[in-house]
Amino acid sequence: MSQQLQLFEAQRLNFSIETAPLISEQLALHAPVLIGVSGGKDSTAAAVATCRYLDEIGHKGERVLIHADLGSVEWRQSHTICQQVADLLGVELVTVRRKKGDMMARWQQRWNDNLIRYARLECVKLILPWSTIIMRFCTSEMKVAEILKYAAKRWPNQSVINVTGIRREESDERKNAPVCAINKKLSNPDIGLYSYDYKPIVKWERAEVFMYHKLFCLPLHEAYTVHGSTRVSCVFCVLGSQSDHKAAASCNDNQPVLLQQVDLEIESAFSFQERWLGDLRPDLLSEAQKAGLAKAKTIAIQRAAIEARIPQHLLYEKGWPNVMPTYEEAQLLASVRSQVAALQGIQVGFTDADNILDRYAQLIQLKQIREVNAAKKKARKEAKQKANEKALA
């Protein structure tokens, strides 16, 4: 299809955004609108479509684009695209960063912390350094927390509309994503203050997003146009496909961080996903890295076999530890810990049955204290809420 025909098709499409009564109510009161942008196609489309809608309804409140910078793991062009979108819209762009370091520093910190946790018997198995599909602290800590922290500081005691470019078509996890939901972090029910997460293009499909870019001549990231990636986030994202990672590795700018992540795979003996990033571009690895990667793969297989001996009821689950091991089970845990420590080349405590049983008794006692304190806190909160309701009655 020619570009003219594509644009004609785009003009025929109804690029309407989703609305909701709660959102409309706050926008009529000119609530500030905070729009998250990453440099990717969806956040750009959401930003432009939202601002066009705000113009149509006569919204006079503040509008701000916000980018959570993850540091060395980001595509270099991402911030440039965000600024171009902000300039196009005539809207302020704010960039926030985690003060304790970027995403690479966070993974390294997590690995160091996990070694300490394992040494202190605060976990049963050695824990990987990476974020995962289930544990996406890369998003919750590095993006969401920093954005909400900024919003709370800039607009204290105000209702805020927090816009994201999430679409239902993206994944099974997002297929039931609501148009709007209360943002608990920015809300204070005690004073009747509520802020909302808003997903205006949640029903749009991928083809529509690209059509929208063509129709309004919006900047598209080189990750799509030059390297053939299907997503823009971390250059090597835990949600990325093998083809996306290959696309990222084809960009010279991304190769230094690839080697950094491979070094952490080697140090920890945990692959970034089920696949090893070190296998993406073996031509970039030094001889020492190639040898280290081969050793890490062997360690990973052996560690998994050793830890597979741990009985299911002793593995971590919510509220761990839930049971006291028997003496025989404590002996088994001691053996596992000693073997894993030797394999990984780390120092650990609690490598005999008696010490392990003493440690479990301590951990169970600490758990009981936490549960009592949590119950007291919940009771105080409920009492406060009832008092507020009584005062308002």
Protein backbone atom coordinates (compact mmCIF):
# COMPACT_ATOMS: atom_id res chain seq x y z
CA MET A 1 0.00 0.00 0.00
CA SER A 2 1.40 3.42 -0.94
CA GLN A 3 2.00 6.04 1.73
CA GLN A 4 -0.84 8.19 0.37
CA LEU A 5 -3.27 5.27 0.62
CA GLN A 6 -2.00 4.47 4.11
CA LEU A 7 -2.63 8.04 5.20
CA PHE A 8 -6.07 7.94 3.59
CA GLU A 9 -6.85 4.78 5.55
CA ALA A 10 -5.55 6.46 8.70
CA GLN A 11 -7.82 9.45 8.19
CA ARG A 12 -10.79 7.10 7.87
CA LEU A 13 -10.01 5.48 11.20
CA ASN A 14 -11.66 6.87 14.28
CA PHE A 15 -8.75 7.61 16.58
CA SER A 16 -10.99 8.21 19.54
CA ILE A 17 -9.59 7.80 23.01
CA GLU A 18 -11.38 6.09 25.86
CA THR A 19 -12.96 8.22 28.54
CA ALA A 20 -14.54 7.50 31.90
CA PRO A 21 -16.92 9.52 34.13
CA LEU A 22 -14.36 9.85 36.93
CA ILE A 23 -11.74 11.14 34.50
CA SER A 24 -14.17 13.54 32.84
CA GLU A 25 -15.18 14.88 36.24
CA GLN A 26 -11.59 15.66 37.24
CA LEU A 27 -10.70 17.14 33.85
CA ALA A 28 -13.72 19.45 34.10
CA LEU A 29 -12.15 20.68 37.35
CA HIS A 30 -8.88 21.22 35.44
CA ALA A 31 -6.93 18.62 37.41
CA PRO A 32 -3.22 18.37 36.47
CA VAL A 33 -2.44 15.70 33.88
CA LEU A 34 0.84 13.78 34.09
CA ILE A 35 1.68 11.77 30.95
CA GLY A 36 4.37 9.11 31.08
CA VAL A 37 6.59 8.89 27.99
CA SER A 38 9.35 6.40 27.21
CA GLY A 39 10.24 7.22 23.62
CA GLY A 40 8.19 4.24 22.46
CA LYS A 41 5.33 4.37 19.99
CA ASP A 42 2.50 3.78 22.49
CA SER A 43 3.46 6.48 24.97
CA THR A 44 4.00 8.98 22.15
CA ALA A 45 0.58 8.21 20.68
CA ALA A 46 -1.05 8.41 24.11
CA ALA A 47 0.62 11.77 24.83
CA VAL A 48 -0.45 13.36 21.56
CA ALA A 49 -3.97 11.91 21.59
CA THR A 50 -4.49 12.98 25.21
CA CYS A 51 -3.29 16.54 24.63
CA ARG A 52 -5.50 16.88 21.53
CA TYR A 53 -8.45 15.69 23.62
CA LEU A 54 -7.62 18.12 26.42
CA ASP A 55 -7.58 20.95 23.89
CA GLU A 56 -10.98 19.86 22.56
CA ILE A 57 -12.63 19.93 26.00
CA GLY A 58 -11.03 23.21 27.04
CA HIS A 59 -8.88 21.77 29.83
CA LYS A 60 -6.91 24.58 31.52
CA GLY A 61 -4.98 22.57 34.10
CA GLU A 62 -1.28 21.75 34.01
CA ARG A 63 0.01 19.17 31.53
CA VAL A 64 3.39 17.58 32.01
CA LEU A 65 5.22 14.80 30.17
CA ILE A 66 7.42 12.69 32.45
CA HIS A 67 10.19 10.27 31.53
CA ALA A 68 11.72 7.82 34.02
CA ASP A 69 15.33 7.49 32.92
CA LEU A 70 16.81 4.02 33.61
CA GLY A 71 20.36 5.05 32.75
CA SER A 72 22.78 2.91 30.77
CA VAL A 73 20.18 0.26 29.93
CA GLU A 74 18.09 2.72 27.88
CA TRP A 75 18.32 3.30 24.15
CA ARG A 76 20.26 6.53 23.72
CA GLN A 77 17.59 8.03 21.48
CA SER A 78 14.77 7.56 23.98
CA HIS A 79 15.16 10.87 25.81
CA THR A 80 15.55 12.70 22.49
CA ILE A 81 12.23 11.29 21.25
CA CYS A 82 10.53 12.30 24.52
CA GLN A 83 11.84 15.85 24.14
CA GLN A 84 10.71 16.00 20.51
CA VAL A 85 7.19 14.99 21.54
CA ALA A 86 7.19 17.58 24.33
CA ASP A 87 8.35 20.29 21.91
CA LEU A 88 5.70 19.26 19.39
CA LEU A 89 2.99 19.60 22.02
CA GLY A 90 4.45 22.68 23.68
CA VAL A 91 4.44 20.82 27.00
CA GLU A 92 7.07 20.62 29.74
CA LEU A 93 9.15 17.43 29.88
CA VAL A 94 10.33 16.29 33.32
CA THR A 95 12.93 13.53 33.67
CA VAL A 96 13.18 11.56 36.92
CA ARG A 97 15.86 9.09 38.01
CA ARG A 98 16.43 6.77 40.95
CA LYS A 99 18.89 8.52 43.26
CA LYS A 100 20.58 5.29 44.32
CA GLY A 101 21.65 4.42 40.79
CA ASP A 102 20.36 3.25 37.42
CA MET A 103 18.88 -0.09 36.42
CA MET A 104 22.26 -1.77 36.01
CA ALA A 105 23.25 -0.60 39.50
CA ARG A 106 19.93 -1.91 40.85
CA TRP A 107 20.54 -5.39 39.44
CA GLN A 108 24.04 -5.43 40.88
CA GLN A 109 22.70 -4.20 44.25
CA ARG A 110 20.03 -6.92 44.20
CA TRP A 111 22.66 -9.58 43.59
CA ASN A 112 24.82 -8.33 46.46
CA ASP A 113 21.77 -8.13 48.75
CA ASN A 114 20.69 -11.65 47.76
CA LEU A 115 24.11 -13.03 48.63
CA ILE A 116 23.74 -11.49 52.10
CA ARG A 117 20.21 -12.87 52.44
CA TYR A 118 21.39 -16.33 51.49
CA ALA A 119 24.36 -16.16 53.88
CA ARG A 120 21.98 -15.20 56.73
CA LEU A 121 19.46 -17.92 55.82
CA GLU A 122 16.79 -15.37 54.98
CA CYS A 123 15.90 -17.42 51.89
CA VAL A 124 16.09 -21.11 51.03
CA LYS A 125 17.43 -20.91 47.47
CA LEU A 126 19.94 -18.50 46.00
CA ILE A 127 17.95 -15.71 44.29
CA LEU A 128 18.77 -14.32 40.85
CA PRO A 129 19.78 -10.67 40.40
CA TRP A 130 17.45 -9.91 37.52
CA SER A 131 13.92 -8.61 37.44
CA THR A 132 11.47 -11.10 35.91
CA ILE A 133 8.02 -11.15 34.35
CA ILE A 134 6.60 -11.79 37.84
CA MET A 135 9.00 -9.55 39.80
CA ARG A 136 9.07 -6.39 37.68
CA PHE A 137 10.76 -4.13 40.20
CA CYS A 138 12.41 -2.57 37.15
CA THR A 139 9.03 -0.96 36.48
CA SER A 140 7.64 -0.57 40.00
CA GLU A 141 10.78 0.87 41.60
CA MET A 142 12.61 2.55 38.76
CA LYS A 143 9.64 4.03 36.89
CA VAL A 144 6.33 4.07 38.77
CA ALA A 145 7.72 4.93 42.20
CA GLU A 146 9.85 7.80 40.88
CA ILE A 147 7.00 9.22 38.80
CA LEU A 148 4.51 9.09 41.68
CA LYS A 149 7.07 10.59 44.06
CA TYR A 150 7.41 13.54 41.69
CA ALA A 151 3.64 13.92 41.31
CA ALA A 152 3.06 13.88 45.08
CA LYS A 153 5.70 16.58 45.59
CA ARG A 154 4.52 18.82 42.74
CA TRP A 155 0.78 18.56 43.40
CA PRO A 156 0.27 17.89 47.13
CA ASN A 157 -3.37 17.51 48.14
CA GLN A 158 -4.54 17.65 44.52
CA SER A 159 -6.24 15.07 42.35
CA VAL A 160 -3.86 14.03 39.56
CA ILE A 161 -4.59 12.20 36.30
CA ASN A 162 -1.70 9.80 35.59
CA VAL A 163 -1.72 8.86 31.88
CA THR A 164 0.04 5.82 30.41
CA GLY A 165 0.14 4.32 26.92
CA ILE A 166 -0.80 0.79 28.01
CA ARG A 167 -2.79 -1.17 25.42
CA ARG A 168 -4.77 -4.39 25.92
CA GLU A 169 -3.39 -5.96 22.76
CA GLU A 170 0.14 -5.92 24.16
CA SER A 171 -0.07 -9.01 26.38
CA ASP A 172 -2.34 -11.41 28.23
CA GLU A 173 -1.45 -9.55 31.42
CA ARG A 174 -2.92 -6.35 29.98
CA LYS A 175 -5.89 -7.71 28.05
CA ASN A 176 -8.31 -6.70 30.81
CA ALA A 177 -6.64 -3.41 31.70
CA PRO A 178 -9.28 -0.86 32.83
CA VAL A 179 -9.59 2.56 31.26
CA CYS A 180 -9.18 4.15 34.67
CA ALA A 181 -8.48 3.11 38.24
CA ILE A 182 -7.84 4.84 41.54
CA ASN A 183 -4.15 5.47 42.16
CA LYS A 184 -3.84 4.61 45.84
CA LYS A 185 -0.38 6.15 46.20
CA LEU A 186 -1.64 9.59 45.16
CA SER A 187 -5.01 9.36 46.94
CA ASN A 188 -6.03 10.18 50.51
CA PRO A 189 -9.49 8.77 51.27
CA ASP A 190 -9.41 10.38 54.73
CA ILE A 191 -9.88 13.80 53.12
CA GLY A 192 -11.80 12.60 50.08
CA LEU A 193 -8.86 13.07 47.70
CA TYR A 194 -8.61 10.65 44.79
CA SER A 195 -6.16 10.50 41.88
CA TYR A 196 -6.53 8.21 38.87
CA ASP A 197 -4.47 6.13 36.47
CA TYR A 198 -5.83 6.70 32.97
CA LYS A 199 -5.20 4.60 29.83
CA PRO A 200 -6.72 6.57 26.94
CA ILE A 201 -5.53 4.31 24.07
CA VAL A 202 -6.09 1.01 25.87
CA LYS A 203 -8.25 -0.32 23.00
CA TRP A 204 -5.97 0.74 20.15
CA GLU A 205 -4.21 -1.92 18.11
CA ARG A 206 -0.59 -1.85 17.01
CA ALA A 207 -1.45 -0.97 13.40
CA GLU A 208 -3.52 1.99 14.56
CA VAL A 209 -0.64 3.30 16.65
CA PHE A 210 1.70 3.29 13.66
CA MET A 211 -1.01 4.85 11.47
CA TYR A 212 -1.44 7.59 14.04
CA HIS A 213 2.29 8.33 13.89
CA LYS A 214 2.13 8.65 10.11
CA LEU A 215 -0.98 10.79 10.13
CA PHE A 216 0.49 13.34 12.55
CA CYS A 217 4.15 12.95 11.47
CA LEU A 218 5.20 11.87 14.97
CA PRO A 219 8.81 10.88 15.65
CA LEU A 220 9.46 7.13 15.64
CA HIS A 221 12.33 5.62 17.60
CA GLU A 222 15.26 4.14 15.68
CA ALA A 223 14.68 0.90 17.60
CA TYR A 224 11.73 0.37 15.23
CA THR A 225 12.88 2.11 12.06
CA VAL A 226 16.56 1.11 11.94
CA HIS A 227 17.00 -1.98 14.09
CA GLY A 228 13.63 -3.73 13.71
CA SER A 229 12.68 -4.04 17.38
CA THR A 230 9.02 -4.37 18.33
CA ARG A 231 9.43 -2.50 21.63
CA VAL A 232 11.25 0.39 23.29
CA SER A 233 12.12 -0.01 26.95
CA CYS A 234 15.37 -1.31 28.39
CA VAL A 235 17.54 -2.29 25.44
CA PHE A 236 17.58 -5.84 26.81
CA CYS A 237 14.20 -6.12 28.54
CA VAL A 238 13.02 -9.07 30.64
CA LEU A 239 9.85 -8.97 28.54
CA GLY A 240 11.74 -8.78 25.24
CA SER A 241 11.78 -11.56 22.68
CA GLN A 242 14.91 -13.10 21.24
CA SER A 243 14.42 -11.09 18.04
CA ASP A 244 14.07 -7.86 20.04
CA HIS A 245 17.30 -8.62 21.87
CA LYS A 246 19.06 -9.36 18.59
CA ALA A 247 17.78 -6.05 17.24
CA ALA A 248 19.10 -4.23 20.32
CA ALA A 249 22.48 -5.97 20.05
CA SER A 250 22.82 -4.80 16.44
CA CYS A 251 23.05 -1.19 17.69
CA ASN A 252 26.63 -0.24 18.57
CA ASP A 253 25.42 2.08 21.34
CA ASN A 254 23.86 -0.87 23.17
CA GLN A 255 26.86 -3.18 23.13
CA PRO A 256 28.63 -1.81 26.25
CA VAL A 257 25.57 -2.48 28.44
CA LEU A 258 25.18 -5.91 26.82
CA LEU A 259 28.69 -6.76 28.02
CA GLN A 260 27.89 -5.40 31.49
CA GLN A 261 24.84 -7.63 31.73
CA VAL A 262 26.83 -10.61 30.47
CA ASP A 263 29.39 -9.94 33.22
CA LEU A 264 26.58 -10.15 35.81
CA GLU A 265 25.35 -13.39 34.22
CA ILE A 266 28.89 -14.74 34.66
CA GLU A 267 29.28 -13.42 38.22
CA SER A 268 25.91 -14.73 39.42
CA ALA A 269 25.56 -17.84 37.19
CA PHE A 270 21.96 -16.77 36.47
CA SER A 271 20.84 -16.16 32.90
CA PHE A 272 18.97 -12.93 32.19
CA GLN A 273 15.95 -14.89 30.91
CA GLU A 274 15.68 -18.59 30.15
CA ARG A 275 18.19 -17.64 27.45
CA TRP A 276 21.67 -16.30 28.18
CA LEU A 277 22.42 -12.80 26.90
CA GLY A 278 25.99 -13.98 26.48
CA ASP A 279 24.84 -16.11 23.54
CA LEU A 280 23.50 -13.10 21.62
CA ARG A 281 26.81 -11.79 20.31
CA PRO A 282 29.64 -14.18 21.19
CA ASP A 283 31.82 -12.23 18.75
CA LEU A 284 31.79 -9.31 21.20
CA LEU A 285 32.99 -11.35 24.20
CA SER A 286 36.58 -11.51 25.35
CA GLU A 287 38.19 -14.92 25.78
CA ALA A 288 37.85 -14.50 29.56
CA GLN A 289 34.13 -13.76 29.19
CA LYS A 290 33.62 -16.77 26.94
CA ALA A 291 35.29 -19.02 29.50
CA GLY A 292 33.37 -17.37 32.35
CA LEU A 293 30.06 -17.82 30.55
CA ALA A 294 30.71 -21.51 29.93
CA LYS A 295 31.55 -21.97 33.62
CA ALA A 296 28.43 -20.01 34.69
CA LYS A 297 26.21 -22.29 32.59
CA THR A 298 27.71 -25.36 34.26
CA ILE A 299 27.26 -23.85 37.72
CA ALA A 300 23.62 -23.00 36.94
CA ILE A 301 22.85 -26.61 35.96
CA GLN A 302 24.60 -28.03 39.03
CA ARG A 303 22.98 -25.51 41.41
CA ALA A 304 19.51 -26.36 40.07
CA ALA A 305 20.16 -30.08 40.64
CA ILE A 306 21.39 -29.48 44.20
CA GLU A 307 18.48 -27.20 45.15
CA ALA A 308 15.97 -29.62 43.62
CA ARG A 309 16.60 -31.84 46.68
CA ILE A 310 14.85 -29.32 48.98
CA PRO A 311 11.35 -30.58 49.92
CA GLN A 312 8.48 -28.54 48.49
CA HIS A 313 7.05 -27.59 51.89
CA LEU A 314 10.34 -25.89 52.86
CA LEU A 315 10.50 -23.69 49.76
CA TYR A 316 9.68 -20.01 49.96
CA GLU A 317 6.04 -18.96 49.85
CA LYS A 318 4.16 -16.01 51.31
CA GLY A 319 4.69 -15.88 55.05
CA TRP A 320 7.87 -18.00 54.96
CA PRO A 321 8.93 -19.78 57.09
CA ASN A 322 5.67 -21.60 57.68
CA VAL A 323 7.06 -24.78 59.23
CA MET A 324 9.99 -25.84 61.40
CA PRO A 325 12.20 -28.38 59.58
CA THR A 326 12.80 -31.77 61.14
CA TYR A 327 16.35 -32.60 62.18
CA GLU A 328 16.80 -34.69 59.03
CA GLU A 329 15.48 -31.82 56.87
CA ALA A 330 17.85 -29.42 58.61
CA GLN A 331 20.73 -31.75 57.78
CA LEU A 332 19.62 -31.74 54.15
CA LEU A 333 19.42 -27.91 54.09
CA ALA A 334 22.91 -27.75 55.60
CA SER A 335 24.25 -30.02 52.88
CA VAL A 336 22.53 -28.02 50.12
CA ARG A 337 23.82 -24.70 51.47
CA SER A 338 27.38 -25.99 51.77
CA GLN A 339 27.37 -27.35 48.23
CA VAL A 340 25.82 -24.20 46.70
CA ALA A 341 28.30 -21.99 48.57
CA ALA A 342 31.25 -24.03 47.33
CA LEU A 343 29.87 -24.05 43.80
CA GLN A 344 29.30 -20.27 43.71
CA GLY A 345 32.48 -19.45 45.61
CA ILE A 346 30.69 -17.58 48.41
CA GLN A 347 30.80 -17.62 52.22
CA VAL A 348 27.60 -18.56 54.10
CA GLY A 349 26.54 -19.26 57.65
CA PHE A 350 24.19 -21.93 59.03
CA THR A 351 25.78 -25.01 57.50
CA ASP A 352 24.98 -27.51 60.22
CA ALA A 353 21.62 -28.87 61.36
CA ASP A 354 21.63 -27.40 64.89
CA ASN A 355 22.41 -23.88 63.67
CA ILE A 356 19.71 -24.14 61.02
CA LEU A 357 17.08 -25.21 63.56
CA ASP A 358 18.08 -22.34 65.88
CA ARG A 359 17.83 -19.92 62.95
CA TYR A 360 14.39 -21.18 61.93
CA ALA A 361 13.14 -20.75 65.52
CA GLN A 362 14.40 -17.16 65.43
CA LEU A 363 12.83 -16.47 62.04
CA ILE A 364 9.45 -17.87 63.15
CA GLN A 365 9.55 -15.72 66.27
CA LEU A 366 10.34 -12.60 64.19
CA LYS A 367 7.48 -13.48 61.86
CA GLN A 368 5.05 -13.70 64.78
CA ILE A 369 6.16 -10.28 66.05
CA ARG A 370 5.61 -8.78 62.56
CA GLU A 371 2.14 -10.31 62.38
CA VAL A 372 1.16 -8.87 65.79
CA ASN A 373 2.45 -5.42 64.78
CA ALA A 374 0.61 -5.61 61.44
CA ALA A 375 -2.65 -6.51 63.22
CA LYS A 376 -2.24 -3.56 65.59
CA LYS A 377 -1.57 -1.21 62.69
CA LYS A 378 -4.65 -2.46 60.84
CA ALA A 379 -6.80 -2.00 63.96
CA ARG A 380 -5.56 1.59 64.39
CA LYS A 381 -6.31 2.36 60.76
CA GLU A 382 -9.83 0.93 61.01
CA ALA A 383 -10.48 2.89 64.22
CA LYS A 384 -9.29 6.10 62.56
CA GLN A 385 -11.50 5.45 59.54
CA LYS A 386 -14.56 4.86 61.77
CA ALA A 387 -13.82 8.06 63.67
CA ASN A 388 -13.64 10.04 60.43
CA GLU A 389 -16.91 8.51 59.21
CA LYS A 390 -18.59 9.37 62.53
CA ALA A 391 -17.34 12.97 62.34
CA LEU A 392 -18.71 13.34 58.80
CA ALA A 393 -22.09 11.77 59.69
